PDB file of all heavy atoms in Angstrom:
ATOM      1  N   ARG A   1     -11.025   9.725  -3.082  1.00  0.00           N
ATOM      2  CA  ARG A   1     -10.926   8.679  -4.212  1.00  0.00           C
ATOM      3  C   ARG A   1      -9.488   8.900  -5.018  1.00  0.00           C
ATOM      4  O   ARG A   1      -8.907   7.992  -5.384  1.00  0.00           O
ATOM      5  CB  ARG A   1     -11.965   8.761  -5.250  1.00  0.00           C
ATOM      6  CG  ARG A   1     -11.916   7.483  -6.202  1.00  0.00           C
ATOM      7  CD  ARG A   1     -13.129   7.497  -7.081  1.00  0.00           C
ATOM      8  NE  ARG A   1     -12.733   6.567  -8.264  1.00  0.00           N
ATOM      9  CZ  ARG A   1     -13.231   6.761  -9.368  1.00  0.00           C
ATOM     10  NH1 ARG A   1     -14.063   7.712  -9.768  1.00  0.00           N
ATOM     11  NH2 ARG A   1     -12.846   5.971 -10.410  1.00  0.00           N
ATOM     12  N   ASN A   2      -9.027  10.219  -4.842  1.00  0.00           N
ATOM     13  CA  ASN A   2      -7.695  10.412  -5.359  1.00  0.00           C
ATOM     14  C   ASN A   2      -6.658   9.568  -4.677  1.00  0.00           C
ATOM     15  O   ASN A   2      -5.611   9.162  -5.241  1.00  0.00           O
ATOM     16  CB  ASN A   2      -7.389  11.915  -5.323  1.00  0.00           C
ATOM     17  CG  ASN A   2      -7.495  12.678  -6.555  1.00  0.00           C
ATOM     18  OD1 ASN A   2      -6.627  12.525  -7.467  1.00  0.00           O
ATOM     19  ND2 ASN A   2      -8.642  13.473  -6.709  1.00  0.00           N
ATOM     20  N   ILE A   3      -6.898   9.383  -3.338  1.00  0.00           N
ATOM     21  CA  ILE A   3      -5.915   8.750  -2.559  1.00  0.00           C
ATOM     22  C   ILE A   3      -6.182   7.213  -2.555  1.00  0.00           C
ATOM     23  O   ILE A   3      -5.206   6.416  -2.615  1.00  0.00           O
ATOM     24  CB  ILE A   3      -6.004   9.209  -1.088  1.00  0.00           C
ATOM     25  CG1 ILE A   3      -5.619  10.669  -1.117  1.00  0.00           C
ATOM     26  CG2 ILE A   3      -5.151   8.380  -0.094  1.00  0.00           C
ATOM     27  CD1 ILE A   3      -5.817  11.403   0.224  1.00  0.00           C
ATOM     28  N   THR A   4      -7.350   6.656  -2.634  1.00  0.00           N
ATOM     29  CA  THR A   4      -7.671   5.222  -2.665  1.00  0.00           C
ATOM     30  C   THR A   4      -7.381   4.557  -3.908  1.00  0.00           C
ATOM     31  O   THR A   4      -7.153   3.307  -3.957  1.00  0.00           O
ATOM     32  CB  THR A   4      -9.010   4.897  -2.196  1.00  0.00           C
ATOM     33  OG1 THR A   4      -9.949   5.630  -3.173  1.00  0.00           O
ATOM     34  CG2 THR A   4      -9.329   5.508  -0.803  1.00  0.00           C
ATOM     35  N   GLU A   5      -7.447   5.210  -5.047  1.00  0.00           N
ATOM     36  CA  GLU A   5      -7.388   4.643  -6.444  1.00  0.00           C
ATOM     37  C   GLU A   5      -6.087   3.788  -6.629  1.00  0.00           C
ATOM     38  O   GLU A   5      -6.202   2.637  -6.924  1.00  0.00           O
ATOM     39  CB  GLU A   5      -7.593   5.626  -7.442  1.00  0.00           C
ATOM     40  CG  GLU A   5      -7.882   5.167  -8.784  1.00  0.00           C
ATOM     41  CD  GLU A   5      -9.322   4.650  -8.988  1.00  0.00           C
ATOM     42  OE1 GLU A   5     -10.060   4.842  -7.962  1.00  0.00           O
ATOM     43  OE2 GLU A   5      -9.659   4.091 -10.039  1.00  0.00           O
ATOM     44  N   ALA A   6      -4.955   4.459  -6.386  1.00  0.00           N
ATOM     45  CA  ALA A   6      -3.706   3.719  -6.658  1.00  0.00           C
ATOM     46  C   ALA A   6      -3.417   2.502  -5.654  1.00  0.00           C
ATOM     47  O   ALA A   6      -3.023   1.416  -6.149  1.00  0.00           O
ATOM     48  CB  ALA A   6      -2.526   4.622  -6.651  1.00  0.00           C
ATOM     49  N   PRO A   7      -3.596   2.710  -4.424  1.00  0.00           N
ATOM     50  CA  PRO A   7      -3.486   1.543  -3.510  1.00  0.00           C
ATOM     51  C   PRO A   7      -4.356   0.317  -3.845  1.00  0.00           C
ATOM     52  O   PRO A   7      -3.995  -0.841  -3.831  1.00  0.00           O
ATOM     53  CB  PRO A   7      -3.870   2.026  -2.040  1.00  0.00           C
ATOM     54  CG  PRO A   7      -3.559   3.471  -2.150  1.00  0.00           C
ATOM     55  CD  PRO A   7      -3.947   3.933  -3.601  1.00  0.00           C
ATOM     56  N   MET A   8      -5.508   0.595  -4.401  1.00  0.00           N
ATOM     57  CA  MET A   8      -6.346  -0.582  -4.773  1.00  0.00           C
ATOM     58  C   MET A   8      -5.924  -1.097  -6.204  1.00  0.00           C
ATOM     59  O   MET A   8      -5.803  -2.378  -6.331  1.00  0.00           O
ATOM     60  CB  MET A   8      -7.847  -0.076  -5.030  1.00  0.00           C
ATOM     61  CG  MET A   8      -8.588   0.155  -3.674  1.00  0.00           C
ATOM     62  SD  MET A   8     -10.313   0.330  -3.782  1.00  0.00           S
ATOM     63  CE  MET A   8     -10.516   1.899  -4.801  1.00  0.00           C
ATOM     64  N   ARG A   9      -5.571  -0.288  -7.110  1.00  0.00           N
ATOM     65  CA  ARG A   9      -5.167  -0.790  -8.325  1.00  0.00           C
ATOM     66  C   ARG A   9      -3.782  -1.344  -8.430  1.00  0.00           C
ATOM     67  O   ARG A   9      -3.537  -2.360  -9.031  1.00  0.00           O
ATOM     68  CB  ARG A   9      -5.291   0.338  -9.323  1.00  0.00           C
ATOM     69  CG  ARG A   9      -6.724   0.682  -9.821  1.00  0.00           C
ATOM     70  CD  ARG A   9      -6.806   1.854 -10.915  1.00  0.00           C
ATOM     71  NE  ARG A   9      -8.056   2.233 -11.252  1.00  0.00           N
ATOM     72  CZ  ARG A   9      -8.674   1.735 -12.233  1.00  0.00           C
ATOM     73  NH1 ARG A   9      -8.089   0.819 -13.079  1.00  0.00           N
ATOM     74  NH2 ARG A   9      -9.962   2.098 -12.610  1.00  0.00           N
ATOM     75  N   VAL A  10      -2.875  -0.726  -7.762  1.00  0.00           N
ATOM     76  CA  VAL A  10      -1.442  -1.078  -7.814  1.00  0.00           C
ATOM     77  C   VAL A  10      -1.049  -2.054  -6.759  1.00  0.00           C
ATOM     78  O   VAL A  10      -0.342  -3.030  -7.003  1.00  0.00           O
ATOM     79  CB  VAL A  10      -0.551   0.251  -7.930  1.00  0.00           C
ATOM     80  CG1 VAL A  10       0.908  -0.129  -7.857  1.00  0.00           C
ATOM     81  CG2 VAL A  10      -0.865   1.195  -9.002  1.00  0.00           C
ATOM     82  N   LEU A  11      -1.478  -1.812  -5.526  1.00  0.00           N
ATOM     83  CA  LEU A  11      -1.056  -2.581  -4.388  1.00  0.00           C
ATOM     84  C   LEU A  11      -2.088  -3.672  -4.124  1.00  0.00           C
ATOM     85  O   LEU A  11      -1.740  -4.613  -3.315  1.00  0.00           O
ATOM     86  CB  LEU A  11      -0.982  -1.755  -3.134  1.00  0.00           C
ATOM     87  CG  LEU A  11       0.031  -0.541  -3.100  1.00  0.00           C
ATOM     88  CD1 LEU A  11       0.169   0.112  -1.816  1.00  0.00           C
ATOM     89  CD2 LEU A  11       1.457  -1.073  -3.633  1.00  0.00           C
ATOM     90  N   GLY A  12      -3.207  -3.650  -4.744  1.00  0.00           N
ATOM     91  CA  GLY A  12      -4.219  -4.657  -4.554  1.00  0.00           C
ATOM     92  C   GLY A  12      -4.881  -4.672  -3.299  1.00  0.00           C
ATOM     93  O   GLY A  12      -5.469  -5.745  -2.804  1.00  0.00           O
ATOM     94  N   LEU A  13      -5.054  -3.507  -2.583  1.00  0.00           N
ATOM     95  CA  LEU A  13      -5.655  -3.378  -1.349  1.00  0.00           C
ATOM     96  C   LEU A  13      -7.237  -3.429  -1.655  1.00  0.00           C
ATOM     97  O   LEU A  13      -7.738  -2.963  -2.676  1.00  0.00           O
ATOM     98  CB  LEU A  13      -5.412  -2.125  -0.607  1.00  0.00           C
ATOM     99  CG  LEU A  13      -3.939  -1.842  -0.247  1.00  0.00           C
ATOM    100  CD1 LEU A  13      -3.808  -0.621   0.654  1.00  0.00           C
ATOM    101  CD2 LEU A  13      -3.362  -3.030   0.475  1.00  0.00           C
ATOM    102  N   SER A  14      -7.934  -3.843  -0.613  1.00  0.00           N
ATOM    103  CA  SER A  14      -9.422  -3.796  -0.556  1.00  0.00           C
ATOM    104  C   SER A  14      -9.883  -2.386  -0.417  1.00  0.00           C
ATOM    105  O   SER A  14      -9.137  -1.528  -0.013  1.00  0.00           O
ATOM    106  CB  SER A  14     -10.086  -4.656   0.382  1.00  0.00           C
ATOM    107  OG  SER A  14      -9.771  -4.145   1.648  1.00  0.00           O
ATOM    108  N   ARG A  15     -11.065  -2.098  -0.856  1.00  0.00           N
ATOM    109  CA  ARG A  15     -11.580  -0.795  -0.684  1.00  0.00           C
ATOM    110  C   ARG A  15     -11.580  -0.408   0.824  1.00  0.00           C
ATOM    111  O   ARG A  15     -11.132   0.834   1.206  1.00  0.00           O
ATOM    112  CB  ARG A  15     -13.076  -0.642  -1.138  1.00  0.00           C
ATOM    113  CG  ARG A  15     -13.651   0.840  -1.033  1.00  0.00           C
ATOM    114  CD  ARG A  15     -14.970   1.042  -1.830  1.00  0.00           C
ATOM    115  NE  ARG A  15     -14.681   0.971  -3.164  1.00  0.00           N
ATOM    116  CZ  ARG A  15     -14.248   1.932  -3.970  1.00  0.00           C
ATOM    117  NH1 ARG A  15     -14.036   3.036  -3.416  1.00  0.00           N
ATOM    118  NH2 ARG A  15     -14.182   1.741  -5.234  1.00  0.00           N
ATOM    119  N   ALA A  16     -11.919  -1.276   1.652  1.00  0.00           N
ATOM    120  CA  ALA A  16     -11.887  -0.884   3.124  1.00  0.00           C
ATOM    121  C   ALA A  16     -10.430  -0.646   3.568  1.00  0.00           C
ATOM    122  O   ALA A  16     -10.194   0.312   4.254  1.00  0.00           O
ATOM    123  CB  ALA A  16     -12.375  -2.103   3.920  1.00  0.00           C
ATOM    124  N   GLU A  17      -9.436  -1.313   3.079  1.00  0.00           N
ATOM    125  CA  GLU A  17      -8.038  -1.110   3.511  1.00  0.00           C
ATOM    126  C   GLU A  17      -7.534   0.171   2.898  1.00  0.00           C
ATOM    127  O   GLU A  17      -6.841   1.003   3.556  1.00  0.00           O
ATOM    128  CB  GLU A  17      -7.194  -2.273   2.940  1.00  0.00           C
ATOM    129  CG  GLU A  17      -7.265  -3.568   3.585  1.00  0.00           C
ATOM    130  CD  GLU A  17      -6.633  -4.730   2.909  1.00  0.00           C
ATOM    131  OE1 GLU A  17      -6.568  -4.700   1.683  1.00  0.00           O
ATOM    132  OE2 GLU A  17      -6.071  -5.533   3.630  1.00  0.00           O
ATOM    133  N   ALA A  18      -7.967   0.505   1.633  1.00  0.00           N
ATOM    134  CA  ALA A  18      -7.564   1.765   0.962  1.00  0.00           C
ATOM    135  C   ALA A  18      -8.299   3.026   1.718  1.00  0.00           C
ATOM    136  O   ALA A  18      -7.478   4.059   1.916  1.00  0.00           O
ATOM    137  CB  ALA A  18      -7.928   1.779  -0.485  1.00  0.00           C
ATOM    138  N   GLU A  19      -9.474   2.815   2.109  1.00  0.00           N
ATOM    139  CA  GLU A  19     -10.210   3.907   2.796  1.00  0.00           C
ATOM    140  C   GLU A  19      -9.429   4.171   4.101  1.00  0.00           C
ATOM    141  O   GLU A  19      -9.352   5.346   4.496  1.00  0.00           O
ATOM    142  CB  GLU A  19     -11.699   3.459   3.100  1.00  0.00           C
ATOM    143  CG  GLU A  19     -12.418   3.400   1.705  1.00  0.00           C
ATOM    144  CD  GLU A  19     -13.223   4.570   1.333  1.00  0.00           C
ATOM    145  OE1 GLU A  19     -13.070   5.585   2.099  1.00  0.00           O
ATOM    146  OE2 GLU A  19     -13.868   4.602   0.333  1.00  0.00           O
ATOM    147  N   ALA A  20      -9.066   3.121   4.827  1.00  0.00           N
ATOM    148  CA  ALA A  20      -8.384   3.276   6.077  1.00  0.00           C
ATOM    149  C   ALA A  20      -7.213   4.152   5.903  1.00  0.00           C
ATOM    150  O   ALA A  20      -6.780   4.933   6.761  1.00  0.00           O
ATOM    151  CB  ALA A  20      -8.188   1.945   6.793  1.00  0.00           C
ATOM    152  N   LEU A  21      -6.303   3.718   4.867  1.00  0.00           N
ATOM    153  CA  LEU A  21      -5.138   4.453   4.638  1.00  0.00           C
ATOM    154  C   LEU A  21      -5.386   5.772   4.362  1.00  0.00           C
ATOM    155  O   LEU A  21      -4.607   6.702   4.815  1.00  0.00           O
ATOM    156  CB  LEU A  21      -4.405   3.733   3.500  1.00  0.00           C
ATOM    157  CG  LEU A  21      -3.344   2.659   3.737  1.00  0.00           C
ATOM    158  CD1 LEU A  21      -2.750   2.241   2.395  1.00  0.00           C
ATOM    159  CD2 LEU A  21      -2.277   3.163   4.610  1.00  0.00           C
ATOM    160  N   ALA A  22      -6.394   6.066   3.544  1.00  0.00           N
ATOM    161  CA  ALA A  22      -6.746   7.457   3.067  1.00  0.00           C
ATOM    162  C   ALA A  22      -7.019   8.308   4.252  1.00  0.00           C
ATOM    163  O   ALA A  22      -6.577   9.551   4.468  1.00  0.00           O
ATOM    164  CB  ALA A  22      -7.845   7.436   2.072  1.00  0.00           C
ATOM    165  N   GLU A  23      -7.778   7.743   5.274  1.00  0.00           N
ATOM    166  CA  GLU A  23      -8.173   8.462   6.423  1.00  0.00           C
ATOM    167  C   GLU A  23      -6.866   8.826   7.290  1.00  0.00           C
ATOM    168  O   GLU A  23      -6.752   9.880   7.826  1.00  0.00           O
ATOM    169  CB  GLU A  23      -9.158   7.805   7.240  1.00  0.00           C
ATOM    170  CG  GLU A  23     -10.504   7.719   6.404  1.00  0.00           C
ATOM    171  CD  GLU A  23     -11.755   7.253   7.362  1.00  0.00           C
ATOM    172  OE1 GLU A  23     -11.492   7.118   8.626  1.00  0.00           O
ATOM    173  OE2 GLU A  23     -12.813   7.026   6.875  1.00  0.00           O
ATOM    174  N   GLU A  24      -6.006   7.723   7.422  1.00  0.00           N
ATOM    175  CA  GLU A  24      -4.878   7.977   8.117  1.00  0.00           C
ATOM    176  C   GLU A  24      -3.988   9.128   7.577  1.00  0.00           C
ATOM    177  O   GLU A  24      -3.538   9.904   8.419  1.00  0.00           O
ATOM    178  CB  GLU A  24      -3.907   6.633   8.137  1.00  0.00           C
ATOM    179  CG  GLU A  24      -2.660   6.716   8.808  1.00  0.00           C
ATOM    180  CD  GLU A  24      -1.784   5.446   8.678  1.00  0.00           C
ATOM    181  OE1 GLU A  24      -2.343   4.456   8.222  1.00  0.00           O
ATOM    182  OE2 GLU A  24      -0.596   5.513   8.966  1.00  0.00           O
ATOM    183  N   TYR A  25      -3.782   9.145   6.323  1.00  0.00           N
ATOM    184  CA  TYR A  25      -2.931  10.143   5.801  1.00  0.00           C
ATOM    185  C   TYR A  25      -3.646  11.538   5.628  1.00  0.00           C
ATOM    186  O   TYR A  25      -2.961  12.538   5.637  1.00  0.00           O
ATOM    187  CB  TYR A  25      -2.268   9.585   4.509  1.00  0.00           C
ATOM    188  CG  TYR A  25      -1.299   8.594   4.712  1.00  0.00           C
ATOM    189  CD1 TYR A  25      -1.365   7.286   4.304  1.00  0.00           C
ATOM    190  CD2 TYR A  25      -0.145   8.908   5.667  1.00  0.00           C
ATOM    191  CE1 TYR A  25      -0.469   6.251   4.624  1.00  0.00           C
ATOM    192  CE2 TYR A  25       0.769   7.864   5.865  1.00  0.00           C
ATOM    193  CZ  TYR A  25       0.603   6.490   5.353  1.00  0.00           C
ATOM    194  OH  TYR A  25       1.514   5.557   5.716  1.00  0.00           O
ATOM    195  N   LEU A  26      -4.901  11.471   5.405  1.00  0.00           N
ATOM    196  CA  LEU A  26      -5.592  12.834   5.372  1.00  0.00           C
ATOM    197  C   LEU A  26      -5.538  13.488   6.717  1.00  0.00           C
ATOM    198  O   LEU A  26      -5.494  14.665   6.919  1.00  0.00           O
ATOM    199  CB  LEU A  26      -7.043  12.595   4.804  1.00  0.00           C
ATOM    200  CG  LEU A  26      -7.178  12.395   3.388  1.00  0.00           C
ATOM    201  CD1 LEU A  26      -8.665  11.930   3.036  1.00  0.00           C
ATOM    202  CD2 LEU A  26      -6.849  13.631   2.590  1.00  0.00           C
ATOM    203  N   GLN A  27      -5.701  12.555   7.810  1.00  0.00           N
ATOM    204  CA  GLN A  27      -5.498  13.147   9.236  1.00  0.00           C
ATOM    205  C   GLN A  27      -4.155  13.734   9.250  1.00  0.00           C
ATOM    206  O   GLN A  27      -3.906  14.852   9.837  1.00  0.00           O
ATOM    207  CB  GLN A  27      -5.778  12.146  10.199  1.00  0.00           C
ATOM    208  CG  GLN A  27      -7.203  11.476  10.260  1.00  0.00           C
ATOM    209  CD  GLN A  27      -8.155  12.416  11.049  1.00  0.00           C
ATOM    210  OE1 GLN A  27      -7.748  13.557  11.361  1.00  0.00           O
ATOM    211  NE2 GLN A  27      -9.279  11.899  11.356  1.00  0.00           N
ATOM    212  N   LEU A  28      -3.084  12.979   8.750  1.00  0.00           N
ATOM    213  CA  LEU A  28      -1.749  13.475   8.990  1.00  0.00           C
ATOM    214  C   LEU A  28      -1.476  14.850   8.320  1.00  0.00           C
ATOM    215  O   LEU A  28      -0.738  15.692   8.912  1.00  0.00           O
ATOM    216  CB  LEU A  28      -0.818  12.412   8.275  1.00  0.00           C
ATOM    217  CG  LEU A  28       0.689  12.643   8.405  1.00  0.00           C
ATOM    218  CD1 LEU A  28       1.200  12.576   9.807  1.00  0.00           C
ATOM    219  CD2 LEU A  28       1.434  11.734   7.522  1.00  0.00           C
ATOM    220  N   VAL A  29      -2.134  15.045   7.151  1.00  0.00           N
ATOM    221  CA  VAL A  29      -1.816  16.285   6.491  1.00  0.00           C
ATOM    222  C   VAL A  29      -2.953  17.360   6.777  1.00  0.00           C
ATOM    223  O   VAL A  29      -2.938  18.412   6.116  1.00  0.00           O
ATOM    224  CB  VAL A  29      -1.800  16.012   4.925  1.00  0.00           C
ATOM    225  CG1 VAL A  29      -0.532  15.213   4.643  1.00  0.00           C
ATOM    226  CG2 VAL A  29      -3.050  15.593   4.344  1.00  0.00           C
ATOM    227  N   GLY A  30      -3.796  17.020   7.690  1.00  0.00           N
ATOM    228  CA  GLY A  30      -4.823  17.934   8.186  1.00  0.00           C
ATOM    229  C   GLY A  30      -5.952  18.230   7.160  1.00  0.00           C
ATOM    230  O   GLY A  30      -6.412  19.405   6.991  1.00  0.00           O
ATOM    231  N   MET A  31      -6.344  17.222   6.361  1.00  0.00           N
ATOM    232  CA  MET A  31      -7.294  17.377   5.273  1.00  0.00           C
ATOM    233  C   MET A  31      -8.476  16.450   5.339  1.00  0.00           C
ATOM    234  O   MET A  31      -9.259  16.457   4.474  1.00  0.00           O
ATOM    235  CB  MET A  31      -6.652  17.159   3.938  1.00  0.00           C
ATOM    236  CG  MET A  31      -5.621  18.301   3.508  1.00  0.00           C
ATOM    237  SD  MET A  31      -6.514  19.792   3.260  1.00  0.00           S
ATOM    238  CE  MET A  31      -7.438  19.542   1.813  1.00  0.00           C
ATOM    239  N   MET A  32      -8.673  15.797   6.560  1.00  0.00           N
ATOM    240  CA  MET A  32      -9.820  14.833   6.631  1.00  0.00           C
ATOM    241  C   MET A  32     -11.181  15.476   6.422  1.00  0.00           C
ATOM    242  O   MET A  32     -11.983  14.942   5.787  1.00  0.00           O
ATOM    243  CB  MET A  32      -9.685  14.147   7.964  1.00  0.00           C
ATOM    244  CG  MET A  32     -10.667  12.946   8.111  1.00  0.00           C
ATOM    245  SD  MET A  32     -10.249  11.676   6.960  1.00  0.00           S
ATOM    246  CE  MET A  32     -11.977  11.101   6.575  1.00  0.00           C
ATOM    247  N   GLU A  33     -11.321  16.682   6.815  1.00  0.00           N
ATOM    248  CA  GLU A  33     -12.612  17.370   6.722  1.00  0.00           C
ATOM    249  C   GLU A  33     -12.972  17.627   5.224  1.00  0.00           C
ATOM    250  O   GLU A  33     -14.133  17.959   4.929  1.00  0.00           O
ATOM    251  CB  GLU A  33     -12.655  18.636   7.579  1.00  0.00           C
ATOM    252  CG  GLU A  33     -11.673  19.683   7.089  1.00  0.00           C
ATOM    253  CD  GLU A  33     -11.603  20.810   8.095  1.00  0.00           C
ATOM    254  OE1 GLU A  33     -10.815  20.660   9.026  1.00  0.00           O
ATOM    255  OE2 GLU A  33     -12.302  21.928   7.844  1.00  0.00           O
ATOM    256  N   HIS A  34     -11.908  17.550   4.365  1.00  0.00           N
ATOM    257  CA  HIS A  34     -12.328  17.858   2.962  1.00  0.00           C
ATOM    258  C   HIS A  34     -12.243  16.664   2.153  1.00  0.00           C
ATOM    259  O   HIS A  34     -12.162  16.702   0.863  1.00  0.00           O
ATOM    260  CB  HIS A  34     -11.059  18.830   2.426  1.00  0.00           C
ATOM    261  CG  HIS A  34     -10.991  20.078   3.201  1.00  0.00           C
ATOM    262  ND1 HIS A  34     -11.829  21.149   3.013  1.00  0.00           N
ATOM    263  CD2 HIS A  34     -10.129  20.517   4.210  1.00  0.00           C
ATOM    264  CE1 HIS A  34     -11.479  22.130   3.852  1.00  0.00           C
ATOM    265  NE2 HIS A  34     -10.427  21.674   4.514  1.00  0.00           N
ATOM    266  N   ALA A  35     -12.407  15.467   2.742  1.00  0.00           N
ATOM    267  CA  ALA A  35     -12.141  14.217   1.939  1.00  0.00           C
ATOM    268  C   ALA A  35     -13.272  14.019   0.854  1.00  0.00           C
ATOM    269  O   ALA A  35     -12.853  13.328  -0.121  1.00  0.00           O
ATOM    270  CB  ALA A  35     -12.378  13.040   2.957  1.00  0.00           C
ATOM    271  N   ASP A  36     -14.423  14.609   1.000  1.00  0.00           N
ATOM    272  CA  ASP A  36     -15.408  14.389  -0.085  1.00  0.00           C
ATOM    273  C   ASP A  36     -15.547  15.569  -1.062  1.00  0.00           C
ATOM    274  O   ASP A  36     -16.506  15.634  -1.788  1.00  0.00           O
ATOM    275  CB  ASP A  36     -16.706  14.066   0.598  1.00  0.00           C
ATOM    276  CG  ASP A  36     -16.662  12.657   1.393  1.00  0.00           C
ATOM    277  OD1 ASP A  36     -16.143  11.751   0.786  1.00  0.00           O
ATOM    278  OD2 ASP A  36     -17.071  12.707   2.600  1.00  0.00           O
ATOM    279  N   LYS A  37     -14.564  16.486  -0.950  1.00  0.00           N
ATOM    280  CA  LYS A  37     -14.580  17.550  -1.878  1.00  0.00           C
ATOM    281  C   LYS A  37     -13.758  17.166  -3.226  1.00  0.00           C
ATOM    282  O   LYS A  37     -13.069  16.207  -3.185  1.00  0.00           O
ATOM    283  CB  LYS A  37     -13.927  18.807  -1.286  1.00  0.00           C
ATOM    284  CG  LYS A  37     -14.811  19.518  -0.179  1.00  0.00           C
ATOM    285  CD  LYS A  37     -14.118  20.691   0.419  1.00  0.00           C
ATOM    286  CE  LYS A  37     -14.942  21.321   1.496  1.00  0.00           C
ATOM    287  NZ  LYS A  37     -14.271  22.554   2.100  1.00  0.00           N
ATOM    288  N   PHE A  38     -13.882  18.012  -4.240  1.00  0.00           N
ATOM    289  CA  PHE A  38     -13.153  17.859  -5.412  1.00  0.00           C
ATOM    290  C   PHE A  38     -12.001  18.864  -5.475  1.00  0.00           C
ATOM    291  O   PHE A  38     -12.122  19.839  -4.823  1.00  0.00           O
ATOM    292  CB  PHE A  38     -14.121  18.103  -6.617  1.00  0.00           C
ATOM    293  CG  PHE A  38     -14.995  16.923  -6.859  1.00  0.00           C
ATOM    294  CD1 PHE A  38     -16.390  16.991  -6.313  1.00  0.00           C
ATOM    295  CD2 PHE A  38     -14.800  15.759  -7.652  1.00  0.00           C
ATOM    296  CE1 PHE A  38     -17.293  15.917  -6.486  1.00  0.00           C
ATOM    297  CE2 PHE A  38     -15.600  14.811  -7.879  1.00  0.00           C
ATOM    298  CZ  PHE A  38     -16.845  14.874  -7.242  1.00  0.00           C
ATOM    299  N   PRO A  39     -10.936  18.446  -6.175  1.00  0.00           N
ATOM    300  CA  PRO A  39      -9.715  19.432  -6.213  1.00  0.00           C
ATOM    301  C   PRO A  39     -10.119  20.814  -6.449  1.00  0.00           C
ATOM    302  O   PRO A  39      -9.556  21.758  -5.935  1.00  0.00           O
ATOM    303  CB  PRO A  39      -8.848  18.798  -7.301  1.00  0.00           C
ATOM    304  CG  PRO A  39      -9.081  17.382  -7.251  1.00  0.00           C
ATOM    305  CD  PRO A  39     -10.666  17.295  -6.933  1.00  0.00           C
ATOM    306  N   ARG A  40     -11.020  21.098  -7.397  1.00  0.00           N
ATOM    307  CA  ARG A  40     -11.270  22.495  -7.721  1.00  0.00           C
ATOM    308  C   ARG A  40     -11.872  23.302  -6.517  1.00  0.00           C
ATOM    309  O   ARG A  40     -11.889  24.585  -6.606  1.00  0.00           O
ATOM    310  CB  ARG A  40     -12.415  22.534  -8.934  1.00  0.00           C
ATOM    311  CG  ARG A  40     -13.721  22.049  -8.550  1.00  0.00           C
ATOM    312  CD  ARG A  40     -14.674  22.100  -9.695  1.00  0.00           C
ATOM    313  NE  ARG A  40     -16.049  21.517  -9.352  1.00  0.00           N
ATOM    314  CZ  ARG A  40     -16.383  20.230  -9.483  1.00  0.00           C
ATOM    315  NH1 ARG A  40     -15.402  19.364  -9.984  1.00  0.00           N
ATOM    316  NH2 ARG A  40     -17.510  19.797  -9.096  1.00  0.00           N
TER     317      ARG A  40
END
């Protein structure tokens, strides 16, 4: 949600589009397996 929030609010992307972007970039930085964790 940290990643999808701004694309939806600022760029006007749908949730599905924002989720797809989040997965793309989480894969890129090697963090996809942590997608549902909290920062702490």
